[in-house]
Amino acid sequence: MRRLASIALFCLLSLLCASPGFAQEGGEGDQGRRGNNPFGGNGDWTQRIVDYLTEELQLDDSQAAHVKKVMDDGMKKMFKRMAESWQPGQDMPDYRKMRDPMEEMRLEMEKEIESVLTDAQKREFHELSDNFDRRAQTWEQRARASEDPTMAFEPPPISKRMLMAKAERSLFLGPDETQVVMPYVEAVIDHRIALVEGRKVRREDLRNAKMGGASENEIRERLNALRSAEVLEELALGKAQTELRALITIQQEVRLVALGVLD
């Protein structure tokens, strides 16, 4: 499962966009994983991605050629990063260390692809990318839950950088609107991250206290403090969401709800 999650993350960075040929889970054992590994087998698999996007987005020949070049150049850069981070004895590279630079590369690739798309194609491209992100989150959540059962109901958050980029492009703002609205979007995302991270820390502290033999009274006090802290963070998040909703249209609100920025 860990190997599958790692492959899913790399596919995500490769903009495979939920293609049925790539975004499927393998069966049990190595043969099942190889069967759905886009890096295995023969042929030009970046061309397979381009073919998929061409069909889904109705790309013309010029657009398809541009996307192919972006994908080929991006793959060369990412394989170089993998080689640089791969240590002897590792089954897979350490994606935690690679995540930030890889996300930057992904955003650059998306912008280069979007530069030749029509507005309608951009909307469809965003939807394909978001669908794959949701699948990748599911894979990562299952991998984390296999190591820590408490993570079974705690989906891995998309990084702030990625979520900000997705929110901005989904709102279709002009330059002046971007300067006004995006700080409010960032405030909501910051409060949401604080809620998730704070919850994680407090639960871990509670678990350690219980395993360390804390008294019943101490455990009760910790429980009350945990719940009080979460109430305050939820109130702060609610206030930030209210302020953001006052600035956007109902269509924009729907898009942010779909992304998980707004409730």
C-alpha atoms as a PDB file:
ATOM      1  CA  MET A   1       0.000   0.000   0.000  1.00  0.00           C
ATOM      2  CA  ARG A   2       2.854   2.386   0.764  1.00  0.00           C
ATOM      3  CA  ARG A   3       4.302   1.767  -2.705  1.00  0.00           C
ATOM      4  CA  LEU A   4       0.896   2.347  -4.300  1.00  0.00           C
ATOM      5  CA  ALA A   5       0.427   5.632  -2.422  1.00  0.00           C
ATOM      6  CA  SER A   6       3.884   6.784  -3.512  1.00  0.00           C
ATOM      7  CA  ILE A   7       3.101   5.996  -7.131  1.00  0.00           C
ATOM      8  CA  ALA A   8      -0.214   7.834  -6.777  1.00  0.00           C
ATOM      9  CA  LEU A   9       1.550  10.940  -5.480  1.00  0.00           C
ATOM     10  CA  PHE A  10       4.010  10.901  -8.329  1.00  0.00           C
ATOM     11  CA  CYS A  11       1.191  10.406 -10.831  1.00  0.00           C
ATOM     12  CA  LEU A  12      -0.577  13.363  -9.295  1.00  0.00           C
ATOM     13  CA  LEU A  13       2.475  15.503  -9.837  1.00  0.00           C
ATOM     14  CA  SER A  14       2.586  14.221 -13.397  1.00  0.00           C
ATOM     15  CA  LEU A  15      -0.880  15.630 -14.088  1.00  0.00           C
ATOM     16  CA  LEU A  16      -2.427  12.295 -15.044  1.00  0.00           C
ATOM     17  CA  CYS A  17      -5.791  13.847 -14.307  1.00  0.00           C
ATOM     18  CA  ALA A  18      -7.799  10.754 -13.347  1.00  0.00           C
ATOM     19  CA  SER A  19      -7.190   8.901 -16.586  1.00  0.00           C
ATOM     20  CA  PRO A  20      -8.757   5.441 -16.201  1.00  0.00           C
ATOM     21  CA  GLY A  21      -5.594   3.918 -17.654  1.00  0.00           C
ATOM     22  CA  PHE A  22      -3.450   5.380 -14.879  1.00  0.00           C
ATOM     23  CA  ALA A  23      -5.582   6.211 -11.839  1.00  0.00           C
ATOM     24  CA  GLN A  24      -6.607   2.699 -10.856  1.00  0.00           C
ATOM     25  CA  GLU A  25      -5.525   0.650  -7.915  1.00  0.00           C
ATOM     26  CA  GLY A  26      -3.617  -2.539  -8.625  1.00  0.00           C
ATOM     27  CA  GLY A  27      -4.502  -5.938  -7.317  1.00  0.00           C
ATOM     28  CA  GLU A  28      -2.688  -7.775  -4.573  1.00  0.00           C
ATOM     29  CA  GLY A  29       0.970  -8.550  -5.093  1.00  0.00           C
ATOM     30  CA  ASP A  30       3.680  -7.138  -7.326  1.00  0.00           C
ATOM     31  CA  GLN A  31       1.996  -8.204 -10.550  1.00  0.00           C
ATOM     32  CA  GLY A  32      -1.114  -6.153  -9.726  1.00  0.00           C
ATOM     33  CA  ARG A  33       0.944  -3.096  -8.930  1.00  0.00           C
ATOM     34  CA  ARG A  34       3.036  -3.390 -12.081  1.00  0.00           C
ATOM     35  CA  GLY A  35      -0.105  -3.733 -14.156  1.00  0.00           C
ATOM     36  CA  ASN A  36      -1.243  -0.243 -13.159  1.00  0.00           C
ATOM     37  CA  ASN A  37       2.164   1.396 -12.910  1.00  0.00           C
ATOM     38  CA  PRO A  38       2.461   4.064 -15.625  1.00  0.00           C
ATOM     39  CA  PHE A  39       6.257   3.834 -15.426  1.00  0.00           C
ATOM     40  CA  GLY A  40       6.296   0.172 -16.417  1.00  0.00           C
ATOM     41  CA  GLY A  41       5.614  -1.445 -19.753  1.00  0.00           C
ATOM     42  CA  ASN A  42       6.552  -0.272 -23.225  1.00  0.00           C
ATOM     43  CA  GLY A  43       5.702   2.820 -25.213  1.00  0.00           C
ATOM     44  CA  ASP A  44       5.642   6.560 -24.764  1.00  0.00           C
ATOM     45  CA  TRP A  45       3.383   6.968 -21.740  1.00  0.00           C
ATOM     46  CA  THR A  46       3.543  10.779 -21.839  1.00  0.00           C
ATOM     47  CA  GLN A  47       1.920  10.457 -25.254  1.00  0.00           C
ATOM     48  CA  ARG A  48      -0.809   8.361 -23.649  1.00  0.00           C
ATOM     49  CA  ILE A  49      -1.470  11.254 -21.262  1.00  0.00           C
ATOM     50  CA  VAL A  50      -1.584  13.701 -24.161  1.00  0.00           C
ATOM     51  CA  ASP A  51      -3.967  11.406 -26.050  1.00  0.00           C
ATOM     52  CA  TYR A  52      -6.244  11.266 -23.027  1.00  0.00           C
ATOM     53  CA  LEU A  53      -6.249  15.050 -22.568  1.00  0.00           C
ATOM     54  CA  THR A  54      -6.739  15.547 -26.296  1.00  0.00           C
ATOM     55  CA  GLU A  55      -9.871  13.422 -26.170  1.00  0.00           C
ATOM     56  CA  GLU A  56     -11.246  14.923 -22.960  1.00  0.00           C
ATOM     57  CA  LEU A  57     -10.466  18.561 -23.802  1.00  0.00           C
ATOM     58  CA  GLN A  58     -10.846  18.355 -27.592  1.00  0.00           C
ATOM     59  CA  LEU A  59      -7.342  19.739 -28.161  1.00  0.00           C
ATOM     60  CA  ASP A  60      -6.306  20.745 -31.658  1.00  0.00           C
ATOM     61  CA  ASP A  61      -2.950  19.615 -33.104  1.00  0.00           C
ATOM     62  CA  SER A  62      -1.114  22.735 -31.956  1.00  0.00           C
ATOM     63  CA  GLN A  63      -2.452  22.456 -28.395  1.00  0.00           C
ATOM     64  CA  ALA A  64      -1.635  18.736 -28.233  1.00  0.00           C
ATOM     65  CA  ALA A  65       1.936  19.377 -29.400  1.00  0.00           C
ATOM     66  CA  HIS A  66       2.354  22.056 -26.725  1.00  0.00           C
ATOM     67  CA  VAL A  67       1.029  19.745 -23.984  1.00  0.00           C
ATOM     68  CA  LYS A  68       3.358  16.960 -25.164  1.00  0.00           C
ATOM     69  CA  LYS A  69       6.382  19.226 -24.865  1.00  0.00           C
ATOM     70  CA  VAL A  70       5.308  20.401 -21.398  1.00  0.00           C
ATOM     71  CA  MET A  71       4.848  16.800 -20.251  1.00  0.00           C
ATOM     72  CA  ASP A  72       8.159  15.599 -21.723  1.00  0.00           C
ATOM     73  CA  ASP A  73      10.124  18.480 -20.207  1.00  0.00           C
ATOM     74  CA  GLY A  74       8.354  18.067 -16.876  1.00  0.00           C
ATOM     75  CA  MET A  75       9.039  14.346 -16.723  1.00  0.00           C
ATOM     76  CA  LYS A  76      12.750  14.892 -17.328  1.00  0.00           C
ATOM     77  CA  LYS A  77      12.882  17.386 -14.450  1.00  0.00           C
ATOM     78  CA  MET A  78      10.932  15.118 -12.102  1.00  0.00           C
ATOM     79  CA  PHE A  79      12.989  12.008 -12.852  1.00  0.00           C
ATOM     80  CA  LYS A  80      16.091  14.088 -12.158  1.00  0.00           C
ATOM     81  CA  ARG A  81      14.635  15.133  -8.801  1.00  0.00           C
ATOM     82  CA  MET A  82      13.817  11.502  -8.019  1.00  0.00           C
ATOM     83  CA  ALA A  83      17.379  10.411  -8.818  1.00  0.00           C
ATOM     84  CA  GLU A  84      18.795  13.164  -6.617  1.00  0.00           C
ATOM     85  CA  SER A  85      16.602  12.207  -3.643  1.00  0.00           C
ATOM     86  CA  TRP A  86      16.825   8.423  -3.970  1.00  0.00           C
ATOM     87  CA  GLN A  87      19.142   6.978  -1.326  1.00  0.00           C
ATOM     88  CA  PRO A  88      20.808   3.557  -1.590  1.00  0.00           C
ATOM     89  CA  GLY A  89      18.619   0.840  -0.094  1.00  0.00           C
ATOM     90  CA  GLN A  90      15.344   2.771  -0.519  1.00  0.00           C
ATOM     91  CA  ASP A  91      12.430   1.091  -2.287  1.00  0.00           C
ATOM     92  CA  MET A  92      10.995   4.490  -3.190  1.00  0.00           C
ATOM     93  CA  PRO A  93      12.222   8.089  -2.897  1.00  0.00           C
ATOM     94  CA  ASP A  94      11.259  10.169   0.133  1.00  0.00           C
ATOM     95  CA  TYR A  95       8.268  12.109  -1.215  1.00  0.00           C
ATOM     96  CA  ARG A  96       7.958  14.134   1.975  1.00  0.00           C
ATOM     97  CA  LYS A  97      11.219  15.876   1.109  1.00  0.00           C
ATOM     98  CA  MET A  98      10.281  16.151  -2.556  1.00  0.00           C
ATOM     99  CA  ARG A  99       6.747  17.429  -2.065  1.00  0.00           C
ATOM    100  CA  ASP A 100       7.351  21.197  -2.020  1.00  0.00           C
ATOM    101  CA  PRO A 101       9.617  21.399  -5.086  1.00  0.00           C
ATOM    102  CA  MET A 102       7.422  18.910  -6.940  1.00  0.00           C
ATOM    103  CA  GLU A 103       4.299  20.939  -6.204  1.00  0.00           C
ATOM    104  CA  GLU A 104       6.010  24.027  -7.585  1.00  0.00           C
ATOM    105  CA  MET A 105       6.854  22.080 -10.729  1.00  0.00           C
ATOM    106  CA  ARG A 106       3.304  20.848 -11.044  1.00  0.00           C
ATOM    107  CA  LEU A 107       1.878  24.363 -10.807  1.00  0.00           C
ATOM    108  CA  GLU A 108       4.353  25.539 -13.440  1.00  0.00           C
ATOM    109  CA  MET A 109       3.300  22.686 -15.745  1.00  0.00           C
ATOM    110  CA  GLU A 110      -0.383  23.464 -15.224  1.00  0.00           C
ATOM    111  CA  LYS A 111       0.161  27.124 -16.095  1.00  0.00           C
ATOM    112  CA  GLU A 112       2.089  26.185 -19.226  1.00  0.00           C
ATOM    113  CA  ILE A 113      -0.698  23.835 -20.322  1.00  0.00           C
ATOM    114  CA  GLU A 114      -3.433  26.344 -19.502  1.00  0.00           C
ATOM    115  CA  SER A 115      -1.674  29.018 -21.565  1.00  0.00           C
ATOM    116  CA  VAL A 116      -2.935  27.383 -24.781  1.00  0.00           C
ATOM    117  CA  LEU A 117      -6.413  26.367 -23.572  1.00  0.00           C
ATOM    118  CA  THR A 118      -9.692  28.158 -24.122  1.00  0.00           C
ATOM    119  CA  ASP A 119     -11.743  29.197 -21.089  1.00  0.00           C
ATOM    120  CA  ALA A 120     -14.037  26.180 -21.536  1.00  0.00           C
ATOM    121  CA  GLN A 121     -11.054  23.837 -21.806  1.00  0.00           C
ATOM    122  CA  LYS A 122      -9.497  25.366 -18.692  1.00  0.00           C
ATOM    123  CA  ARG A 123     -12.634  24.616 -16.672  1.00  0.00           C
ATOM    124  CA  GLU A 124     -12.619  21.001 -17.845  1.00  0.00           C
ATOM    125  CA  PHE A 125      -8.893  20.691 -17.178  1.00  0.00           C
ATOM    126  CA  HIS A 126      -9.374  21.995 -13.640  1.00  0.00           C
ATOM    127  CA  GLU A 127     -12.111  19.437 -13.050  1.00  0.00           C
ATOM    128  CA  LEU A 128      -9.943  16.567 -14.316  1.00  0.00           C
ATOM    129  CA  SER A 129      -7.050  17.673 -12.120  1.00  0.00           C
ATOM    130  CA  ASP A 130      -9.270  18.056  -9.050  1.00  0.00           C
ATOM    131  CA  ASN A 131     -10.768  14.594  -9.593  1.00  0.00           C
ATOM    132  CA  PHE A 132      -7.326  13.050  -9.634  1.00  0.00           C
ATOM    133  CA  ASP A 133      -6.331  14.956  -6.508  1.00  0.00           C
ATOM    134  CA  ARG A 134      -9.303  13.452  -4.692  1.00  0.00           C
ATOM    135  CA  ARG A 135      -8.255   9.960  -5.771  1.00  0.00           C
ATOM    136  CA  ALA A 136      -4.683  10.587  -4.672  1.00  0.00           C
ATOM    137  CA  GLN A 137      -5.943  11.787  -1.288  1.00  0.00           C
ATOM    138  CA  THR A 138      -7.902   8.558  -0.899  1.00  0.00           C
ATOM    139  CA  TRP A 139      -4.839   6.471  -1.693  1.00  0.00           C
ATOM    140  CA  GLU A 140      -2.686   8.449   0.739  1.00  0.00           C
ATOM    141  CA  GLN A 141      -5.321   8.217   3.463  1.00  0.00           C
ATOM    142  CA  ARG A 142      -5.447   4.429   3.142  1.00  0.00           C
ATOM    143  CA  ALA A 143      -1.664   4.234   3.285  1.00  0.00           C
ATOM    144  CA  ARG A 144      -1.551   6.371   6.437  1.00  0.00           C
ATOM    145  CA  ALA A 145      -4.357   4.367   8.044  1.00  0.00           C
ATOM    146  CA  SER A 146      -2.428   1.138   7.476  1.00  0.00           C
ATOM    147  CA  GLU A 147       0.309   2.565   9.702  1.00  0.00           C
ATOM    148  CA  ASP A 148      -1.914   4.499  12.132  1.00  0.00           C
ATOM    149  CA  PRO A 149      -5.595   3.449  12.425  1.00  0.00           C
ATOM    150  CA  THR A 150      -6.533   6.858  13.859  1.00  0.00           C
ATOM    151  CA  MET A 151      -5.878   8.295  10.380  1.00  0.00           C
ATOM    152  CA  ALA A 152      -8.661   6.198   8.813  1.00  0.00           C
ATOM    153  CA  PHE A 153     -11.141   9.079   9.118  1.00  0.00           C
ATOM    154  CA  GLU A 154      -8.613  11.913   8.749  1.00  0.00           C
ATOM    155  CA  PRO A 155      -8.001  12.656   5.059  1.00  0.00           C
ATOM    156  CA  PRO A 156      -4.566  14.099   4.295  1.00  0.00           C
ATOM    157  CA  PRO A 157      -4.894  17.833   3.692  1.00  0.00           C
ATOM    158  CA  ILE A 158      -3.857  19.335   0.379  1.00  0.00           C
ATOM    159  CA  SER A 159      -0.960  21.700   0.959  1.00  0.00           C
ATOM    160  CA  LYS A 160      -1.732  25.373   1.378  1.00  0.00           C
ATOM    161  CA  ARG A 161       0.156  26.200  -1.821  1.00  0.00           C
ATOM    162  CA  MET A 162      -1.930  23.790  -3.910  1.00  0.00           C
ATOM    163  CA  LEU A 163      -5.211  24.781  -2.292  1.00  0.00           C
ATOM    164  CA  MET A 164      -4.556  28.497  -2.833  1.00  0.00           C
ATOM    165  CA  ALA A 165      -3.739  27.855  -6.487  1.00  0.00           C
ATOM    166  CA  LYS A 166      -6.858  25.755  -6.984  1.00  0.00           C
ATOM    167  CA  ALA A 167      -9.048  28.336  -5.240  1.00  0.00           C
ATOM    168  CA  GLU A 168      -7.685  31.233  -7.275  1.00  0.00           C
ATOM    169  CA  ARG A 169      -8.169  29.546 -10.616  1.00  0.00           C
ATOM    170  CA  SER A 170     -11.653  28.289  -9.693  1.00  0.00           C
ATOM    171  CA  LEU A 171     -12.876  31.810  -8.868  1.00  0.00           C
ATOM    172  CA  PHE A 172     -11.930  33.333 -12.260  1.00  0.00           C
ATOM    173  CA  LEU A 173     -11.005  36.664 -10.694  1.00  0.00           C
ATOM    174  CA  GLY A 174      -9.654  39.758 -12.405  1.00  0.00           C
ATOM    175  CA  PRO A 175      -6.401  41.323 -11.115  1.00  0.00           C
ATOM    176  CA  ASP A 176      -8.161  43.833  -8.842  1.00  0.00           C
ATOM    177  CA  GLU A 177     -10.578  41.209  -7.514  1.00  0.00           C
ATOM    178  CA  THR A 178      -7.692  38.839  -6.822  1.00  0.00           C
ATOM    179  CA  GLN A 179      -6.002  41.385  -4.575  1.00  0.00           C
ATOM    180  CA  VAL A 180      -9.209  41.864  -2.578  1.00  0.00           C
ATOM    181  CA  VAL A 181     -10.580  38.306  -2.365  1.00  0.00           C
ATOM    182  CA  MET A 182      -7.527  36.041  -2.090  1.00  0.00           C
ATOM    183  CA  PRO A 183      -6.376  37.325   1.341  1.00  0.00           C
ATOM    184  CA  TYR A 184      -9.788  36.256   2.686  1.00  0.00           C
ATOM    185  CA  VAL A 185      -9.412  32.864   1.000  1.00  0.00           C
ATOM    186  CA  GLU A 186      -5.990  32.521   2.602  1.00  0.00           C
ATOM    187  CA  ALA A 187      -7.423  33.392   6.017  1.00  0.00           C
ATOM    188  CA  VAL A 188     -10.006  30.610   5.704  1.00  0.00           C
ATOM    189  CA  ILE A 189      -7.353  28.107   4.616  1.00  0.00           C
ATOM    190  CA  ASP A 190      -5.047  29.147   7.484  1.00  0.00           C
ATOM    191  CA  HIS A 191      -7.812  28.667  10.047  1.00  0.00           C
ATOM    192  CA  ARG A 192      -8.732  25.296   8.532  1.00  0.00           C
ATOM    193  CA  ILE A 193      -5.105  24.143   8.687  1.00  0.00           C
ATOM    194  CA  ALA A 194      -4.816  25.378  12.287  1.00  0.00           C
ATOM    195  CA  LEU A 195      -7.915  23.382  13.219  1.00  0.00           C
ATOM    196  CA  VAL A 196      -6.614  20.172  11.652  1.00  0.00           C
ATOM    197  CA  GLU A 197      -3.054  20.500  12.944  1.00  0.00           C
ATOM    198  CA  GLY A 198      -4.172  21.579  16.407  1.00  0.00           C
ATOM    199  CA  ARG A 199      -6.551  18.642  16.623  1.00  0.00           C
ATOM    200  CA  LYS A 200      -3.781  16.253  15.632  1.00  0.00           C
ATOM    201  CA  VAL A 201      -1.385  17.593  18.283  1.00  0.00           C
ATOM    202  CA  ARG A 202      -3.972  17.612  21.058  1.00  0.00           C
ATOM    203  CA  ARG A 203      -5.125  14.066  20.300  1.00  0.00           C
ATOM    204  CA  GLU A 204      -1.548  12.829  20.309  1.00  0.00           C
ATOM    205  CA  ASP A 205      -0.923  14.566  23.651  1.00  0.00           C
ATOM    206  CA  LEU A 206      -4.072  12.972  25.068  1.00  0.00           C
ATOM    207  CA  ARG A 207      -3.027   9.545  23.824  1.00  0.00           C
ATOM    208  CA  ASN A 208       0.449   9.917  25.323  1.00  0.00           C
ATOM    209  CA  ALA A 209      -0.983  11.063  28.656  1.00  0.00           C
ATOM    210  CA  LYS A 210      -3.272   8.059  28.850  1.00  0.00           C
ATOM    211  CA  MET A 211      -0.481   5.635  27.920  1.00  0.00           C
ATOM    212  CA  GLY A 212       1.776   7.382  30.429  1.00  0.00           C
ATOM    213  CA  GLY A 213      -0.594   6.603  33.288  1.00  0.00           C
ATOM    214  CA  ALA A 214      -2.246   9.992  33.784  1.00  0.00           C
ATOM    215  CA  SER A 215      -4.951  10.115  36.415  1.00  0.00           C
ATOM    216  CA  GLU A 216      -8.637  10.118  35.558  1.00  0.00           C
ATOM    217  CA  ASN A 217      -8.938  13.751  36.628  1.00  0.00           C
ATOM    218  CA  GLU A 218      -6.037  14.780  34.390  1.00  0.00           C
ATOM    219  CA  ILE A 219      -7.537  12.906  31.442  1.00  0.00           C
ATOM    220  CA  ARG A 220     -10.892  14.627  32.022  1.00  0.00           C
ATOM    221  CA  GLU A 221      -9.185  18.045  32.163  1.00  0.00           C
ATOM    222  CA  ARG A 222      -7.317  17.317  28.947  1.00  0.00           C
ATOM    223  CA  LEU A 223     -10.538  16.247  27.239  1.00  0.00           C
ATOM    224  CA  ASN A 224     -12.272  19.462  28.291  1.00  0.00           C
ATOM    225  CA  ALA A 225      -9.307  21.560  27.119  1.00  0.00           C
ATOM    226  CA  LEU A 226      -9.251  19.706  23.781  1.00  0.00           C
ATOM    227  CA  ARG A 227     -12.937  20.362  23.168  1.00  0.00           C
ATOM    228  CA  SER A 228     -12.720  24.008  24.255  1.00  0.00           C
ATOM    229  CA  ALA A 229      -9.769  24.646  21.956  1.00  0.00           C
ATOM    230  CA  GLU A 230     -11.595  23.078  19.009  1.00  0.00           C
ATOM    231  CA  VAL A 231     -14.691  25.194  19.667  1.00  0.00           C
ATOM    232  CA  LEU A 232     -12.590  28.371  19.586  1.00  0.00           C
ATOM    233  CA  GLU A 233     -10.831  27.324  16.385  1.00  0.00           C
ATOM    234  CA  GLU A 234     -14.141  26.398  14.753  1.00  0.00           C
ATOM    235  CA  LEU A 235     -15.570  29.808  15.701  1.00  0.00           C
ATOM    236  CA  ALA A 236     -12.551  31.548  14.155  1.00  0.00           C
ATOM    237  CA  LEU A 237     -12.931  29.428  11.013  1.00  0.00           C
ATOM    238  CA  GLY A 238     -16.647  30.210  10.851  1.00  0.00           C
ATOM    239  CA  LYS A 239     -15.999  33.948  11.124  1.00  0.00           C
ATOM    240  CA  ALA A 240     -13.404  33.816   8.333  1.00  0.00           C
ATOM    241  CA  GLN A 241     -15.805  31.875   6.113  1.00  0.00           C
ATOM    242  CA  THR A 242     -18.599  34.407   6.712  1.00  0.00           C
ATOM    243  CA  GLU A 243     -16.299  37.265   5.728  1.00  0.00           C
ATOM    244  CA  LEU A 244     -15.267  35.450   2.536  1.00  0.00           C
ATOM    245  CA  ARG A 245     -18.851  34.593   1.548  1.00  0.00           C
ATOM    246  CA  ALA A 246     -19.744  38.287   1.731  1.00  0.00           C
ATOM    247  CA  LEU A 247     -17.276  38.992  -1.106  1.00  0.00           C
ATOM    248  CA  ILE A 248     -18.115  36.252  -3.605  1.00  0.00           C
ATOM    249  CA  THR A 249     -21.018  35.136  -5.761  1.00  0.00           C
ATOM    250  CA  ILE A 250     -23.054  32.004  -5.122  1.00  0.00           C
ATOM    251  CA  GLN A 251     -21.349  30.329  -8.118  1.00  0.00           C
ATOM    252  CA  GLN A 252     -17.935  31.078  -6.639  1.00  0.00           C
ATOM    253  CA  GLU A 253     -19.090  29.837  -3.253  1.00  0.00           C
ATOM    254  CA  VAL A 254     -20.162  26.525  -4.809  1.00  0.00           C
ATOM    255  CA  ARG A 255     -16.705  26.098  -6.348  1.00  0.00           C
ATOM    256  CA  LEU A 256     -14.980  26.747  -3.016  1.00  0.00           C
ATOM    257  CA  VAL A 257     -17.290  24.298  -1.256  1.00  0.00           C
ATOM    258  CA  ALA A 258     -16.406  21.674  -3.876  1.00  0.00           C
ATOM    259  CA  LEU A 259     -12.724  22.285  -3.158  1.00  0.00           C
ATOM    260  CA  GLY A 260     -13.228  21.968   0.593  1.00  0.00           C
ATOM    261  CA  VAL A 261     -12.217  25.569   1.298  1.00  0.00           C
ATOM    262  CA  LEU A 262     -15.732  26.481   2.491  1.00  0.00           C
ATOM    263  CA  ASP A 263     -18.202  24.295   4.367  1.00  0.00           C
END
